Protein backbone atom coordinates (compact mmCIF):
# COMPACT_ATOMS: atom_id res chain seq x y z
CA UNK A 1 -30.12 -35.31 35.26
CA UNK A 2 -33.29 -37.07 36.40
CA UNK A 3 -34.17 -34.22 38.81
CA UNK A 4 -33.73 -31.64 36.08
CA UNK A 5 -35.95 -33.66 33.74
CA UNK A 6 -38.70 -33.86 36.38
CA UNK A 7 -38.36 -30.13 37.06
CA UNK A 8 -38.64 -29.28 33.33
CA UNK A 9 -41.61 -31.64 32.92
CA UNK A 10 -43.30 -29.99 35.91
CA UNK A 11 -42.75 -26.50 34.48
CA UNK A 12 -44.08 -27.62 31.10
CA UNK A 13 -47.17 -29.14 32.76
CA UNK A 14 -47.75 -25.93 34.73
CA UNK A 15 -47.47 -23.78 31.58
CA UNK A 16 -49.84 -26.13 29.73
CA UNK A 17 -52.33 -26.03 32.61
CA UNK A 18 -52.29 -22.22 32.76
CA UNK A 19 -52.71 -21.96 28.98
CA UNK A 20 -55.63 -24.42 29.04
CA UNK A 21 -57.33 -22.51 31.87
CA UNK A 22 -56.87 -19.22 30.01
CA UNK A 23 -58.31 -20.70 26.82
CA UNK A 24 -61.29 -22.10 28.73
CA UNK A 25 -61.88 -18.70 30.37
CA UNK A 26 -61.73 -16.86 27.03
CA UNK A 27 -64.04 -19.47 25.46
CA UNK A 28 -66.51 -18.99 28.32
CA UNK A 29 -66.60 -15.26 27.62
CA UNK A 30 -66.78 -15.44 23.81
CA UNK A 31 -68.99 -18.53 23.28
CA UNK A 32 -72.30 -16.81 24.14
CA UNK A 33 -71.40 -13.83 21.93
CA UNK A 34 -70.51 -16.13 19.03
CA UNK A 35 -73.72 -18.11 19.50
CA UNK A 36 -75.77 -14.89 19.51
CA UNK A 37 -74.04 -13.66 16.34
CA UNK A 38 -74.70 -17.03 14.63
CA UNK A 39 -78.36 -16.88 15.68
CA UNK A 40 -78.71 -13.36 14.28
CA UNK A 41 -77.04 -14.42 11.02
CA UNK A 42 -79.32 -17.45 10.79
CA UNK A 43 -82.45 -15.34 11.38
CA UNK A 44 -81.28 -12.84 8.78
CA UNK A 45 -80.69 -15.66 6.28
CA UNK A 46 -84.18 -17.07 6.99
CA UNK A 47 -85.71 -13.69 6.20
CA UNK A 48 -83.67 -13.58 2.96
CA UNK A 49 -84.78 -17.02 1.76
CA UNK A 50 -88.41 -16.74 2.88
CA UNK A 51 -89.23 -13.03 2.67
CA UNK A 52 -93.00 -13.56 3.04
CA UNK A 53 -92.50 -14.76 6.62
CA UNK A 54 -92.61 -12.34 9.53
CA UNK A 55 -91.84 -14.92 12.22
CA UNK A 56 -89.91 -18.18 12.40
CA UNK A 57 -90.18 -21.08 14.84
CA UNK A 58 -88.17 -24.26 14.92
CA UNK A 59 -90.46 -27.01 13.79
CA UNK A 60 -88.57 -30.28 13.52
CA UNK A 61 -84.91 -31.36 13.43
CA UNK A 62 -83.47 -28.00 12.41
CA UNK A 63 -86.32 -27.14 10.06
CA UNK A 64 -87.96 -23.79 10.74
CA UNK A 65 -91.52 -22.86 9.84
CA UNK A 66 -92.04 -19.36 8.51
CA UNK A 67 -95.28 -17.62 9.48
CA UNK A 68 -97.14 -14.55 8.34
CA UNK A 69 -99.69 -13.86 11.07
CA UNK A 70 -100.70 -17.41 12.02
CA UNK A 71 -100.45 -18.93 8.54
CA UNK A 72 -97.48 -21.04 7.52
CA UNK A 73 -95.91 -19.56 4.39
CA UNK A 74 -92.97 -21.94 4.12
CA UNK A 75 -89.98 -23.65 5.65
CA UNK A 76 -86.28 -22.93 6.06
CA UNK A 77 -83.54 -25.48 6.52
CA UNK A 78 -79.76 -25.39 6.37
CA UNK A 79 -78.07 -28.13 4.35
CA UNK A 80 -74.36 -28.84 4.38
CA UNK A 81 -73.02 -30.38 1.19
CA UNK A 82 -69.69 -30.78 -0.60
CA UNK A 83 -68.66 -28.43 -3.37
CA UNK A 84 -65.41 -28.32 -5.30
CA UNK A 85 -63.36 -26.75 -2.50
CA UNK A 86 -65.00 -28.40 0.48
CA UNK A 87 -68.16 -27.92 2.50
CA UNK A 88 -70.92 -25.53 1.51
CA UNK A 89 -73.56 -24.54 4.03
CA UNK A 90 -76.74 -23.41 2.26
CA UNK A 91 -79.95 -22.12 3.81
CA UNK A 92 -82.95 -22.92 1.63
CA UNK A 93 -86.44 -21.48 1.79
CA UNK A 94 -89.27 -23.61 0.42
CA UNK A 95 -92.77 -22.16 0.16
CA UNK A 96 -95.87 -23.95 1.40
CA UNK A 97 -96.66 -24.66 -2.27
CA UNK A 98 -93.32 -26.47 -2.73
CA UNK A 99 -91.56 -23.78 -4.75
CA UNK A 100 -88.08 -22.62 -3.87
CA UNK A 101 -88.37 -19.12 -2.42
CA UNK A 102 -84.67 -18.43 -2.06
CA UNK A 103 -81.23 -19.64 -1.06
CA UNK A 104 -78.42 -18.15 0.97
CA UNK A 105 -74.88 -19.55 1.06
CA UNK A 106 -73.92 -19.28 4.73
CA UNK A 107 -70.35 -20.54 4.42
CA UNK A 108 -68.12 -22.14 1.82
CA UNK A 109 -64.57 -23.15 0.96
CA UNK A 110 -64.87 -22.56 -2.77
CA UNK A 111 -62.25 -21.01 -5.03
CA UNK A 112 -62.27 -17.21 -5.03
CA UNK A 113 -63.53 -15.83 -8.33
CA UNK A 114 -65.07 -19.16 -9.35
CA UNK A 115 -67.10 -21.24 -6.90
CA UNK A 116 -67.24 -18.32 -4.49
CA UNK A 117 -69.61 -16.71 -7.01
CA UNK A 118 -72.30 -18.94 -5.49
CA UNK A 119 -72.76 -16.07 -3.02
CA UNK A 120 -73.50 -13.57 -5.81
CA UNK A 121 -77.09 -12.34 -6.09
CA UNK A 122 -77.16 -13.14 -9.82
CA UNK A 123 -76.59 -16.82 -9.10
CA UNK A 124 -78.77 -17.03 -5.99
CA UNK A 125 -81.71 -15.22 -7.59
CA UNK A 126 -82.01 -17.96 -10.22
CA UNK A 127 -83.50 -20.26 -7.58
CA UNK A 128 -86.42 -18.00 -6.62
CA UNK A 129 -89.84 -19.39 -7.55
CA UNK A 130 -88.39 -22.53 -9.15
CA UNK A 131 -90.03 -25.92 -8.86
CA UNK A 132 -88.11 -29.13 -8.38
CA UNK A 133 -86.44 -31.00 -9.91
CA UNK A 134 -83.78 -28.46 -10.77
CA UNK A 135 -81.37 -28.96 -13.64
CA UNK A 136 -77.99 -27.22 -13.73
CA UNK A 137 -77.01 -26.31 -17.30
CA UNK A 138 -73.93 -24.83 -18.89
CA UNK A 139 -74.89 -21.77 -20.89
CA UNK A 140 -78.26 -20.04 -20.85
CA UNK A 141 -81.16 -21.60 -18.97
CA UNK A 142 -84.03 -22.23 -21.36
CA UNK A 143 -86.56 -24.04 -19.14
CA UNK A 144 -88.31 -22.96 -15.95
CA UNK A 145 -86.53 -25.53 -13.79
CA UNK A 146 -83.01 -24.81 -15.12
CA UNK A 147 -80.22 -23.08 -13.22
CA UNK A 148 -77.36 -21.54 -15.19
CA UNK A 149 -74.08 -22.93 -13.84
CA UNK A 150 -71.38 -20.54 -12.72
CA UNK A 151 -68.74 -20.48 -15.46
CA UNK A 152 -65.83 -22.63 -14.34
CA UNK A 153 -67.69 -23.81 -11.24
CA UNK A 154 -70.18 -26.42 -12.38
CA UNK A 155 -69.42 -28.64 -9.39
CA UNK A 156 -70.28 -25.82 -7.00
CA UNK A 157 -73.44 -25.00 -8.95
CA UNK A 158 -74.55 -28.63 -8.82
CA UNK A 159 -73.73 -28.80 -5.10
CA UNK A 160 -75.99 -25.82 -4.39
CA UNK A 161 -78.79 -27.30 -6.51
CA UNK A 162 -78.29 -30.59 -4.67
CA UNK A 163 -78.61 -28.78 -1.34
CA UNK A 164 -81.95 -27.36 -2.52
CA UNK A 165 -83.14 -30.86 -3.46
CA UNK A 166 -82.04 -32.24 -0.09
CA UNK A 167 -83.79 -29.39 1.74
CA UNK A 168 -87.04 -30.08 -0.10
CA UNK A 169 -86.77 -33.80 0.69
CA UNK A 170 -86.15 -33.09 4.40
CA UNK A 171 -89.17 -30.81 4.55
CA UNK A 172 -91.40 -33.33 2.74
CA UNK A 173 -90.25 -36.09 5.05
CA UNK A 174 -90.98 -33.93 8.12
CA UNK A 175 -94.44 -33.14 6.72
CA UNK A 176 -95.09 -36.88 6.48
CA UNK A 177 -94.61 -37.15 2.72
CA UNK A 178 -91.67 -38.92 1.10
CA UNK A 179 -89.82 -41.28 3.43
């Protein structure tokens, strides 16, 4: 009985070792491709949120400076926040003048048909050329700093607006402003 147990444990360990080695091998092959795809997606998102920029360089702690020729036109940063369904990853573009140039929802766990509408152009376009502080309102936006909440997804709407506020604070802090 004891010999059979040791034999079965040995076979199980061997199978586990082979599976782990295969997983490590596959990860070694796919990891660079995944990283390249993520970099391309990030660069694409930067161009979406700061369209005036022709070039981007990492500046400080995950904040990217956007350039047009040699002039800084703004900054891009990704903020992860909590929405209704879980984490939201939002790339935010802030112009050199402090206005929001655009947002892009990179990933989310929001409810399909509700919070997932944060990825719709109609919602995202509301942020362009807005100045902080932003106010999320139910119904029609009537002031320049107001964002119309997604119907049935106010928590998600507020989370995105909060990500924009956090991005602006991170950029100001990096520039030596607000601590």
